[in-house]
C-alpha cells in the first residue's frame, strides 16, 4: 500500500482509551463507518445509527479488509476471540476522542463554515482554492453533524496545511460541541435565513444558534460574517460576547472588508470584481448565481486570513464546480435536440429556492425552449410553511419561469398561487410527478429540479437521466 498511514493502532488506542483485542496491524490508512465502502486498511467504527447498528456489519468489514474494528464493550462477545478490535464504552464517543486527537496534532490552519444557505458550496470552494496551494482536508459531502464532524476530524492527516469543516444544525445547542472539537482559526457564517423554523421561535433564534460557532474559535481567530444580512448586527454582538477579537464582513455594503464592487451574471458562470481586505481582484466563478458570487467573497477573505495567496485563490475559483445535487448541469439527449437539466435536488429552503429560481431565470434557452421549475416541498418550516411556499410565486414571476411542476402538500400552496399559464402539473409525491415531467420536456428547455431531501426530488432527476442519457453540460459562457 503506497499511501501514508493515517494513524497507528497504538495512537488510536491511546486517544480513545480503548482496550485491544487480537493482533492489531501497526498502521491504519483510513476511517470508515460503512462496511460497503471501506477500503482495505481502514479502521471500521461500528456506529449505532437511526436505522442500523454498525456492530451487525463488523464481520463484513473485517472480511472486506478492514485493519481493525472499533466496537463497544457491551457487544465484544459477538465477535471471534482473535478478531482485531479496539474496544470502547461507546463507539461514537471513541470517534469524538479520535477527532480531538487529530485536531491536537494538526499544525495547519482550520476554517469552519456554517450558515442557513451555502455551507456546502462555500466549503467546496474553499477545498478547491486552498487545495491548489497545499495539502487540504475538507468534509465529504455534507458531513456536518454529530458524527460527520468527528469523522472528518479523525480522517484529517497530520501534515494537512489547510482543513475546512462544514458545521450544520437544525436545533439550538448542536453547533457548540462540534466547533469546540474543530477549534477553527476562521469561522464563516454565510447567512441567516428562515430555515428550520419548525424548531425556532423566529429568525433571531436561528442567528443565535449559528453564533455558537464563535464558542470554538481559537484565540486570535476571526469571524467572517455577511454584512448584507439583516442579522449582521446581532451576529456581531454575539461574537463580541463570545470574546471574538476580529470580525471581517463581506457583501455589497460599502463598509464590507470583502466587498463586491461589480458582478456580471452569465448563464453558466459569473465575472466578479471585488476588494478583499484591501486588495482589488477580478475573477471568474465556475458556478452561476449572485448568491455564489457573494459567498466567494467569504471564501477569498478566509483564504487571505489563513495565509494563502489571494491571487492564486481567485484564479482557482474558475475551476470550482457544484457539488452533487447542488446545481450540477447535464445535457439531456432528446433525440431531436438537447435540453439542460439543473440538479438542485439535494435540499431546499426559501432562500436557496429563490436563489435557484434566479439561476434558472438567467439560463439560456434555445429555439422554442422554456424555463421549467420542478419543485418539491421545503420542510421544517413550521406554521410559516404554507405562506413561504405560496410566496415563491413572486420569484417565479420575476425570473420569467415559463412552467412550474409542483409536488407535495406544501407545494400545493405555490400551485394555487400561480397563474394558470405557469402551471405545468401537480402531484402529491415526486414519484407521481415523474411521468408528467418526463413527458413534458422538449429540445431547448432548461429544467431545474429542487426540493428538500425528504421530498425525494432526486427520483425525478434519475428518471430524466435514465430516459434521456446525455453528458455533463459544458460552460459555454464567455
Protein backbone atom coordinates (compact mmCIF):
# COMPACT_ATOMS: atom_id res chain seq x y z
CA UNK A 1 0.00 0.00 0.00
CA UNK A 2 1.65 3.21 -1.18
CA UNK A 3 -0.27 5.87 0.68
CA UNK A 4 0.87 7.15 4.05
CA UNK A 5 -0.68 5.76 7.23
CA UNK A 6 -3.33 7.94 8.85
CA UNK A 7 -2.94 6.50 12.34
CA UNK A 8 -1.08 3.78 14.17
CA UNK A 9 -3.29 1.40 16.08
CA UNK A 10 -1.34 2.33 19.23
CA UNK A 11 -2.15 6.03 18.73
CA UNK A 12 -5.82 5.22 18.18
CA UNK A 13 -5.93 3.06 21.29
CA UNK A 14 -4.34 5.79 23.38
CA UNK A 15 -6.61 8.55 22.03
CA UNK A 16 -9.78 6.53 22.66
CA UNK A 17 -8.61 4.88 25.89
CA UNK A 18 -9.52 1.60 24.19
CA UNK A 19 -8.81 -1.97 25.20
CA UNK A 20 -7.13 -4.03 22.50
CA UNK A 21 -8.13 -7.44 21.20
CA UNK A 22 -6.43 -9.80 18.78
CA UNK A 23 -3.40 -9.00 16.67
CA UNK A 24 -3.62 -5.39 15.52
CA UNK A 25 -1.79 -4.01 12.49
CA UNK A 26 0.75 -1.29 13.12
CA UNK A 27 -0.82 1.15 10.69
CA UNK A 28 -4.34 2.25 9.78
CA UNK A 29 -4.87 4.04 6.47
CA UNK A 30 -8.39 5.40 6.77
CA UNK A 31 -11.52 5.65 8.91
CA UNK A 32 -14.85 4.17 7.81
CA UNK A 33 -18.34 3.87 9.26
CA UNK A 34 -19.76 1.99 6.24
CA UNK A 35 -18.73 -1.60 5.58
CA UNK A 36 -19.91 -1.28 1.96
CA UNK A 37 -17.46 1.47 1.02
CA UNK A 38 -14.45 0.94 3.27
CA UNK A 39 -11.06 0.44 1.68
CA UNK A 40 -8.60 -2.26 2.77
CA UNK A 41 -6.56 -0.92 5.67
CA UNK A 42 -9.36 1.25 7.08
CA UNK A 43 -10.47 1.13 10.69
CA UNK A 44 -14.19 0.37 10.85
CA UNK A 45 -16.23 2.16 13.54
CA UNK A 46 -19.41 0.29 14.46
CA UNK A 47 -21.61 3.37 14.92
CA UNK A 48 -25.20 2.93 16.05
CA UNK A 49 -27.34 4.86 13.57
CA UNK A 50 -31.02 5.71 13.49
CA UNK A 51 -31.78 2.61 11.42
CA UNK A 52 -28.84 0.20 11.73
CA UNK A 53 -26.35 -0.77 14.40
CA UNK A 54 -22.88 -0.90 12.86
CA UNK A 55 -21.99 -3.88 15.03
CA UNK A 56 -24.09 -6.00 12.67
CA UNK A 57 -21.56 -5.33 9.92
CA UNK A 58 -18.27 -5.80 11.77
CA UNK A 59 -17.63 -9.26 10.32
CA UNK A 60 -18.37 -7.99 6.80
CA UNK A 61 -15.98 -5.09 7.34
CA UNK A 62 -13.18 -7.37 8.50
CA UNK A 63 -13.74 -9.71 5.55
CA UNK A 64 -13.57 -6.68 3.24
CA UNK A 65 -10.08 -5.89 4.53
CA UNK A 66 -10.65 -3.59 7.47
CA UNK A 67 -7.46 -3.27 9.52
CA UNK A 68 -9.48 -3.39 12.72
CA UNK A 69 -12.92 -2.62 14.09
CA UNK A 70 -13.90 -0.31 16.92
CA UNK A 71 -16.71 -1.85 18.95
CA UNK A 72 -18.43 -1.22 22.25
CA UNK A 73 -17.57 -3.37 25.25
CA UNK A 74 -21.18 -4.48 25.69
CA UNK A 75 -21.07 -6.24 22.27
CA UNK A 76 -17.50 -7.53 22.33
CA UNK A 77 -18.59 -11.16 22.85
CA UNK A 78 -20.37 -11.21 19.48
CA UNK A 79 -17.04 -11.44 17.64
CA UNK A 80 -14.29 -14.01 17.32
CA UNK A 81 -11.84 -14.24 20.20
CA UNK A 82 -8.94 -13.27 17.94
CA UNK A 83 -10.73 -10.53 15.97
CA UNK A 84 -8.64 -7.33 15.63
CA UNK A 85 -10.65 -4.94 17.78
CA UNK A 86 -10.39 -1.73 19.73
CA UNK A 87 -12.97 -1.92 22.48
CA UNK A 88 -14.54 1.23 23.95
CA UNK A 89 -17.54 2.07 26.12
CA UNK A 90 -19.28 3.98 23.30
CA UNK A 91 -18.16 3.94 19.67
CA UNK A 92 -19.36 7.45 18.80
CA UNK A 93 -17.61 8.84 21.88
CA UNK A 94 -14.50 6.99 20.75
CA UNK A 95 -14.75 8.64 17.34
CA UNK A 96 -15.08 12.03 19.03
CA UNK A 97 -11.97 11.33 21.11
CA UNK A 98 -10.05 10.37 17.99
CA UNK A 99 -11.25 13.54 16.30
CA UNK A 100 -9.96 15.63 19.20
CA UNK A 101 -6.62 13.84 18.99
CA UNK A 102 -6.46 14.60 15.27
CA UNK A 103 -7.09 18.28 15.96
CA UNK A 104 -4.46 18.33 18.71
CA UNK A 105 -1.74 17.02 16.38
CA UNK A 106 -2.69 19.33 13.49
CA UNK A 107 -0.40 22.29 12.79
CA UNK A 108 -2.35 23.57 9.77
CA UNK A 109 -4.91 26.35 9.61
CA UNK A 110 -8.54 25.45 10.20
CA UNK A 111 -11.72 27.02 8.79
CA UNK A 112 -15.26 26.22 9.92
CA UNK A 113 -18.33 27.10 7.83
CA UNK A 114 -21.95 27.34 8.89
CA UNK A 115 -24.99 29.28 7.70
CA UNK A 116 -28.59 28.78 6.66
CA UNK A 117 -27.67 28.56 2.99
CA UNK A 118 -24.44 27.94 1.10
CA UNK A 119 -22.45 25.91 3.64
CA UNK A 120 -21.53 23.07 1.31
CA UNK A 121 -20.80 25.19 -1.77
CA UNK A 122 -18.62 27.51 0.31
CA UNK A 123 -16.79 24.56 1.86
CA UNK A 124 -16.23 23.05 -1.58
CA UNK A 125 -14.95 26.35 -2.96
CA UNK A 126 -12.50 26.57 -0.06
CA UNK A 127 -11.40 23.00 -0.75
CA UNK A 128 -10.71 23.96 -4.35
CA UNK A 129 -8.85 27.23 -3.81
CA UNK A 130 -6.78 26.02 -0.85
CA UNK A 131 -6.13 22.61 -2.38
CA UNK A 132 -4.30 24.34 -5.21
CA UNK A 133 -1.83 25.75 -2.67
CA UNK A 134 -1.16 22.95 -0.20
CA UNK A 135 -2.46 19.72 1.29
CA UNK A 136 -6.09 20.40 2.11
CA UNK A 137 -8.58 18.27 4.02
CA UNK A 138 -12.31 19.02 3.96
CA UNK A 139 -15.64 17.47 4.89
CA UNK A 140 -17.00 14.89 2.46
CA UNK A 141 -20.45 15.74 1.07
CA UNK A 142 -22.45 17.28 3.93
CA UNK A 143 -20.74 15.52 6.84
CA UNK A 144 -21.67 18.35 9.18
CA UNK A 145 -23.50 16.72 12.11
CA UNK A 146 -22.78 14.91 15.40
CA UNK A 147 -20.99 12.04 13.63
CA UNK A 148 -19.91 13.75 10.40
CA UNK A 149 -17.73 16.37 12.08
CA UNK A 150 -15.75 13.99 14.34
CA UNK A 151 -15.41 11.55 11.42
CA UNK A 152 -13.98 14.30 9.24
CA UNK A 153 -11.59 15.30 12.02
CA UNK A 154 -10.46 11.72 12.60
CA UNK A 155 -9.71 11.40 8.87
CA UNK A 156 -7.51 14.52 8.83
CA UNK A 157 -3.87 13.68 8.03
CA UNK A 158 -1.30 15.09 10.42
CA UNK A 159 0.54 17.04 7.72
CA UNK A 160 -2.53 18.90 6.44
CA UNK A 161 -1.86 22.56 5.69
CA UNK A 162 -5.49 23.66 5.46
CA UNK A 163 -8.57 21.96 6.93
CA UNK A 164 -12.14 23.00 6.18
CA UNK A 165 -15.13 21.80 8.18
CA UNK A 166 -18.82 22.27 7.48
CA UNK A 167 -20.96 22.50 10.63
CA UNK A 168 -24.73 22.25 10.46
CA UNK A 169 -27.68 22.30 12.83
CA UNK A 170 -31.44 22.31 12.99
CA UNK A 171 -31.74 22.80 16.75
CA UNK A 172 -30.08 25.16 19.20
CA UNK A 173 -27.09 23.71 21.01
CA UNK A 174 -25.87 21.49 18.17
CA UNK A 175 -23.06 23.65 16.79
CA UNK A 176 -21.19 24.44 20.01
CA UNK A 177 -19.92 20.94 20.87
CA UNK A 178 -18.87 20.37 17.27
CA UNK A 179 -16.98 23.64 16.85
CA UNK A 180 -15.21 23.05 20.18
CA UNK A 181 -13.79 19.89 18.60
CA UNK A 182 -12.81 21.68 15.38
CA UNK A 183 -11.32 24.80 17.05
CA UNK A 184 -11.12 26.89 13.86
CA UNK A 185 -8.87 29.87 13.21
CA UNK A 186 -11.55 31.31 10.91
CA UNK A 187 -15.32 30.86 11.34
CA UNK A 188 -17.66 31.75 8.47
CA UNK A 189 -21.42 32.30 8.74
CA UNK A 190 -22.63 32.55 5.15
CA UNK A 191 -26.07 33.97 6.02
CA UNK A 192 -29.02 33.64 8.38
CA UNK A 193 -32.38 32.85 6.81
CA UNK A 194 -35.79 31.43 7.90
CA UNK A 195 -34.69 27.79 7.82
CA UNK A 196 -35.66 25.07 10.36
CA UNK A 197 -38.34 27.44 11.69
CA UNK A 198 -40.17 24.39 12.98
CA UNK A 199 -37.60 24.31 15.78
CA UNK A 200 -37.19 28.06 16.44
CA UNK A 201 -39.44 30.90 17.51
CA UNK A 202 -38.00 33.18 14.86
CA UNK A 203 -35.02 34.03 12.69
CA UNK A 204 -33.29 35.73 15.64
CA UNK A 205 -33.12 32.35 17.35
CA UNK A 206 -31.52 30.90 14.24
CA UNK A 207 -28.91 33.68 14.31
CA UNK A 208 -28.13 32.88 17.93
CA UNK A 209 -27.79 29.18 17.17
CA UNK A 210 -25.44 29.91 14.26
CA UNK A 211 -23.45 32.16 16.61
CA UNK A 212 -22.48 29.10 18.62
CA UNK A 213 -19.67 28.75 16.09
CA UNK A 214 -17.88 31.57 17.92
CA UNK A 215 -17.58 29.39 21.05
CA UNK A 216 -14.86 27.26 19.49
CA UNK A 217 -12.88 29.95 17.69
CA UNK A 218 -9.18 29.80 18.53
CA UNK A 219 -7.70 32.76 20.47
CA UNK A 220 -6.89 35.46 17.94
CA UNK A 221 -9.24 33.90 15.41
CA UNK A 222 -11.53 35.75 13.02
CA UNK A 223 -15.25 35.59 12.31
CA UNK A 224 -16.28 36.20 8.69
CA UNK A 225 -19.86 37.49 8.53
CA UNK A 226 -22.34 38.60 5.87
CA UNK A 227 -22.74 42.36 6.23
CA UNK A 228 -25.71 42.44 3.85
CA UNK A 229 -27.75 40.13 6.08
CA UNK A 230 -30.33 41.82 8.35
CA UNK A 231 -28.98 39.82 11.32
CA UNK A 232 -25.41 41.12 10.89
CA UNK A 233 -25.55 43.41 13.94
CA UNK A 234 -26.91 40.61 16.11
CA UNK A 235 -24.16 38.26 14.93
CA UNK A 236 -21.54 40.90 15.72
CA UNK A 237 -22.96 41.36 19.21
CA UNK A 238 -22.88 37.62 19.75
CA UNK A 239 -19.30 37.47 18.51
CA UNK A 240 -18.27 40.19 20.94
CA UNK A 241 -19.96 38.38 23.83
CA UNK A 242 -18.03 35.23 22.89
CA UNK A 243 -14.74 37.15 23.03
CA UNK A 244 -14.07 37.17 19.28
CA UNK A 245 -11.38 39.76 18.69
CA UNK A 246 -11.86 40.35 14.97
CA UNK A 247 -14.82 40.35 12.61
CA UNK A 248 -14.34 40.59 8.84
CA UNK A 249 -17.52 41.36 6.93
CA UNK A 250 -18.35 40.53 3.33
CA UNK A 251 -21.04 41.76 0.96
CA UNK A 252 -22.01 44.61 -1.31
CA UNK A 253 -22.25 47.04 1.61
CA UNK A 254 -19.76 49.89 1.31
CA UNK A 255 -18.37 49.07 4.76
CA UNK A 256 -17.61 45.42 3.97
CA UNK A 257 -13.94 44.47 4.19
CA UNK A 258 -14.53 41.85 1.49
CA UNK A 259 -16.66 43.95 -0.82
CA UNK A 260 -18.44 43.15 -4.06
CA UNK A 261 -17.70 46.00 -6.47
CA UNK A 262 -19.29 44.56 -9.61
CA UNK A 263 -20.63 41.26 -10.89
CA UNK A 264 -21.63 40.13 -14.37
CA UNK A 265 -24.02 37.18 -14.11
CA UNK A 266 -23.92 34.77 -17.05
CA UNK A 267 -25.95 31.64 -17.65
CA UNK A 268 -23.12 29.31 -16.68
CA UNK A 269 -20.66 31.44 -14.72
CA UNK A 270 -20.09 34.87 -13.21
CA UNK A 271 -17.39 37.51 -13.54
CA UNK A 272 -16.63 39.29 -10.27
CA UNK A 273 -14.73 42.44 -9.33
CA UNK A 274 -14.13 42.74 -5.60
CA UNK A 275 -11.92 44.26 -2.96
CA UNK A 276 -10.70 41.66 -0.49
CA UNK A 277 -9.09 43.11 2.63
CA UNK A 278 -7.63 45.99 0.67
CA UNK A 279 -6.70 44.05 -2.48
CA UNK A 280 -8.58 44.57 -5.77
CA UNK A 281 -9.25 41.26 -7.54
CA UNK A 282 -11.15 40.31 -10.68
CA UNK A 283 -12.04 36.67 -11.21
CA UNK A 284 -14.36 34.22 -12.89
CA UNK A 285 -16.63 31.86 -10.95
CA UNK A 286 -17.31 28.45 -12.45
CA UNK A 287 -20.78 28.31 -10.83
CA UNK A 288 -23.52 30.82 -11.77
CA UNK A 289 -25.66 32.87 -9.42
CA UNK A 290 -25.39 36.06 -7.42
CA UNK A 291 -25.54 34.08 -4.17
CA UNK A 292 -22.44 32.15 -5.24
CA UNK A 293 -20.68 35.41 -6.08
CA UNK A 294 -21.49 36.76 -2.62
CA UNK A 295 -20.16 33.68 -0.85
CA UNK A 296 -17.00 33.77 -2.96
CA UNK A 297 -16.12 36.96 -1.07
CA UNK A 298 -16.12 34.98 2.17
CA UNK A 299 -14.03 32.27 0.52
CA UNK A 300 -11.35 34.72 -0.57
CA UNK A 301 -11.39 36.55 2.75
CA UNK A 302 -10.87 33.26 4.59
CA UNK A 303 -8.09 32.25 2.20
CA UNK A 304 -6.29 35.52 2.85
CA UNK A 305 -6.77 35.15 6.61
CA UNK A 306 -5.18 31.68 6.70
CA UNK A 307 -2.17 32.85 4.70
CA UNK A 308 -2.99 31.57 1.23
CA UNK A 309 -2.02 33.50 -1.89
CA UNK A 310 -5.06 35.65 -2.74
CA UNK A 311 -4.36 35.94 -6.47
CA UNK A 312 -3.99 32.17 -6.85
CA UNK A 313 -7.12 31.62 -4.78
CA UNK A 314 -9.12 33.94 -7.01
CA UNK A 315 -7.79 32.22 -10.12
CA UNK A 316 -8.77 28.80 -8.76
CA UNK A 317 -12.42 29.84 -8.35
CA UNK A 318 -12.95 29.41 -12.09
CA UNK A 319 -12.34 25.68 -11.66
CA UNK A 320 -14.77 25.14 -8.78
CA UNK A 321 -17.77 23.03 -9.74
CA UNK A 322 -21.08 22.48 -7.91
CA UNK A 323 -21.46 19.54 -5.56
CA UNK A 324 -23.86 16.72 -6.41
CA UNK A 325 -27.47 17.83 -6.18
CA UNK A 326 -26.50 21.48 -5.81
CA UNK A 327 -26.62 22.88 -9.32
CA UNK A 328 -24.88 20.22 -11.39
CA UNK A 329 -25.86 20.63 -15.04
CA UNK A 330 -26.42 17.84 -17.51
CA UNK A 331 -27.33 17.92 -21.19
CA UNK A 332 -30.20 15.52 -21.89
CA UNK A 333 -30.30 13.93 -25.34
CA UNK A 334 -33.91 14.05 -26.54
CA UNK A 335 -33.13 12.66 -29.98
CA UNK A 336 -34.31 15.79 -31.81
CA UNK A 337 -32.05 18.05 -29.75
CA UNK A 338 -30.94 18.65 -26.19
CA UNK A 339 -32.39 20.05 -23.00
CA UNK A 340 -30.43 21.14 -19.94
CA UNK A 341 -31.14 19.67 -16.53
CA UNK A 342 -30.04 21.61 -13.43
CA UNK A 343 -29.97 19.21 -10.49
CA UNK A 344 -30.72 21.09 -7.26
CA UNK A 345 -32.39 18.09 -5.66
CA UNK A 346 -30.24 17.75 -2.55
CA UNK A 347 -32.09 20.23 -0.34
CA UNK A 348 -34.19 23.38 -0.26
CA UNK A 349 -35.32 26.28 1.88
CA UNK A 350 -36.90 29.62 0.95
CA UNK A 351 -33.57 31.40 0.44
CA UNK A 352 -31.93 28.65 -1.62
CA UNK A 353 -35.12 28.15 -3.61
CA UNK A 354 -35.24 31.83 -4.54
CA UNK A 355 -31.56 31.72 -5.50
CA UNK A 356 -32.07 28.62 -7.65
CA UNK A 357 -35.03 30.22 -9.41
CA UNK A 358 -32.78 33.20 -10.10
CA UNK A 359 -30.20 30.94 -11.73
CA UNK A 360 -32.91 29.26 -13.79
CA UNK A 361 -34.20 32.66 -14.83
CA UNK A 362 -30.78 33.60 -16.22
CA UNK A 363 -30.30 30.29 -18.05
CA UNK A 364 -30.03 30.47 -21.83
CA UNK A 365 -32.78 28.63 -23.71
CA UNK A 366 -32.79 27.86 -27.43
CA UNK A 367 -35.44 27.59 -30.12
CA UNK A 368 -38.85 27.01 -28.57
CA UNK A 369 -37.30 26.10 -25.24
CA UNK A 370 -38.79 27.02 -21.89
CA UNK A 371 -37.51 27.55 -18.36
CA UNK A 372 -39.19 24.89 -16.22
CA UNK A 373 -39.06 24.60 -12.43
CA UNK A 374 -39.88 21.23 -10.84
CA UNK A 375 -40.34 21.88 -7.14
CA UNK A 376 -40.90 19.70 -4.07
CA UNK A 377 -41.80 20.64 -0.52
CA UNK A 378 -39.43 22.68 1.63
CA UNK A 379 -39.53 21.00 5.03
CA UNK A 380 -39.03 22.04 8.68
CA UNK A 381 -40.64 25.46 8.22
CA UNK A 382 -43.27 25.05 10.90
CA UNK A 383 -46.54 27.05 10.72
CA UNK A 384 -44.98 29.53 8.27
CA UNK A 385 -44.55 26.76 5.67
CA UNK A 386 -47.71 27.36 3.62
CA UNK A 387 -47.09 31.11 3.28
CA UNK A 388 -43.40 30.62 2.43
CA UNK A 389 -44.32 28.18 -0.33
CA UNK A 390 -47.03 30.44 -1.75
CA UNK A 391 -44.58 33.35 -1.64
CA UNK A 392 -42.35 31.65 -4.20
CA UNK A 393 -44.84 32.78 -6.85
CA UNK A 394 -43.14 36.19 -6.84
CA UNK A 395 -39.75 34.64 -7.64
CA UNK A 396 -41.33 32.53 -10.37
CA UNK A 397 -42.80 35.64 -11.98
CA UNK A 398 -39.75 37.92 -11.57
CA UNK A 399 -37.41 35.32 -13.08
CA UNK A 400 -39.60 34.66 -16.12
CA UNK A 401 -40.09 30.97 -15.35
CA UNK A 402 -42.37 29.53 -18.02
CA UNK A 403 -43.76 26.45 -16.30
CA UNK A 404 -43.80 25.09 -12.76
CA UNK A 405 -44.38 21.49 -11.74
CA UNK A 406 -45.13 21.01 -8.04
CA UNK A 407 -45.32 18.05 -5.74
CA UNK A 408 -46.17 17.70 -2.08
CA UNK A 409 -48.85 19.15 0.21
CA UNK A 410 -46.83 22.29 0.95
CA UNK A 411 -46.07 23.00 -2.71
CA UNK A 412 -49.81 22.87 -3.29
CA UNK A 413 -49.85 26.40 -1.82
CA UNK A 414 -47.48 27.59 -4.56
CA UNK A 415 -49.54 25.76 -7.17
CA UNK A 416 -52.66 27.58 -6.01
CA UNK A 417 -50.82 30.93 -6.08
CA UNK A 418 -49.58 30.52 -9.67
CA UNK A 419 -51.37 31.94 -12.67
CA UNK A 420 -52.93 29.27 -14.84
CA UNK A 421 -50.37 29.88 -17.59
CA UNK A 422 -47.50 28.95 -15.28
CA UNK A 423 -48.99 25.66 -14.11
CA UNK A 424 -47.28 22.65 -15.63
CA UNK A 425 -48.53 19.89 -13.36
CA UNK A 426 -49.10 18.85 -9.76
CA UNK A 427 -48.86 15.57 -7.83
CA UNK A 428 -48.73 14.55 -4.20
CA UNK A 429 -45.28 12.92 -4.49
CA UNK A 430 -42.20 13.10 -6.65
CA UNK A 431 -42.81 9.55 -7.88
CA UNK A 432 -46.28 10.53 -9.07
CA UNK A 433 -45.00 13.71 -10.75
CA UNK A 434 -42.18 11.92 -12.56
CA UNK A 435 -44.14 10.82 -15.64
CA UNK A 436 -45.59 14.31 -16.16
CA UNK A 437 -42.15 15.89 -16.21
CA UNK A 438 -40.61 13.25 -18.46
CA UNK A 439 -43.46 13.65 -20.96
CA UNK A 440 -43.29 17.46 -20.97
CA UNK A 441 -39.61 18.12 -21.66
CA UNK A 442 -38.60 19.16 -25.17
CA UNK A 443 -35.50 20.35 -27.02
CA UNK A 444 -34.25 23.75 -25.94
CA UNK A 445 -35.72 23.55 -22.45
CA UNK A 446 -33.79 24.27 -19.27
CA UNK A 447 -35.29 22.38 -16.36
CA UNK A 448 -34.40 22.82 -12.69
CA UNK A 449 -35.38 20.23 -10.05
CA UNK A 450 -35.32 21.25 -6.38
CA UNK A 451 -36.82 20.32 -3.03
CA UNK A 452 -35.89 19.27 0.48
CA UNK A 453 -34.13 15.94 0.72
CA UNK A 454 -37.23 14.38 2.27
CA UNK A 455 -39.23 15.37 -0.82
CA UNK A 456 -37.22 12.81 -2.83
CA UNK A 457 -36.83 15.02 -5.89
CA UNK A 458 -33.76 13.01 -6.88
CA UNK A 459 -36.17 10.38 -8.22
CA UNK A 460 -37.20 12.81 -10.97
CA UNK A 461 -33.58 13.67 -11.76
CA UNK A 462 -32.74 9.97 -12.01
CA UNK A 463 -35.73 9.32 -14.27
CA UNK A 464 -34.75 12.11 -16.65
CA UNK A 465 -31.13 10.97 -16.81
CA UNK A 466 -32.22 7.38 -17.47
CA UNK A 467 -34.79 8.30 -20.12
CA UNK A 468 -32.60 10.86 -21.88
CA UNK A 469 -28.94 9.86 -21.32
CA UNK A 470 -26.65 12.74 -22.11
CA UNK A 471 -23.48 14.32 -20.82
CA UNK A 472 -22.25 16.95 -18.41
CA UNK A 473 -23.20 20.39 -19.69
CA UNK A 474 -20.16 22.46 -20.61
CA UNK A 475 -19.58 26.06 -19.63
CA UNK A 476 -20.44 27.97 -22.76
CA UNK A 477 -20.35 31.44 -21.26
CA UNK A 478 -17.71 33.98 -22.17
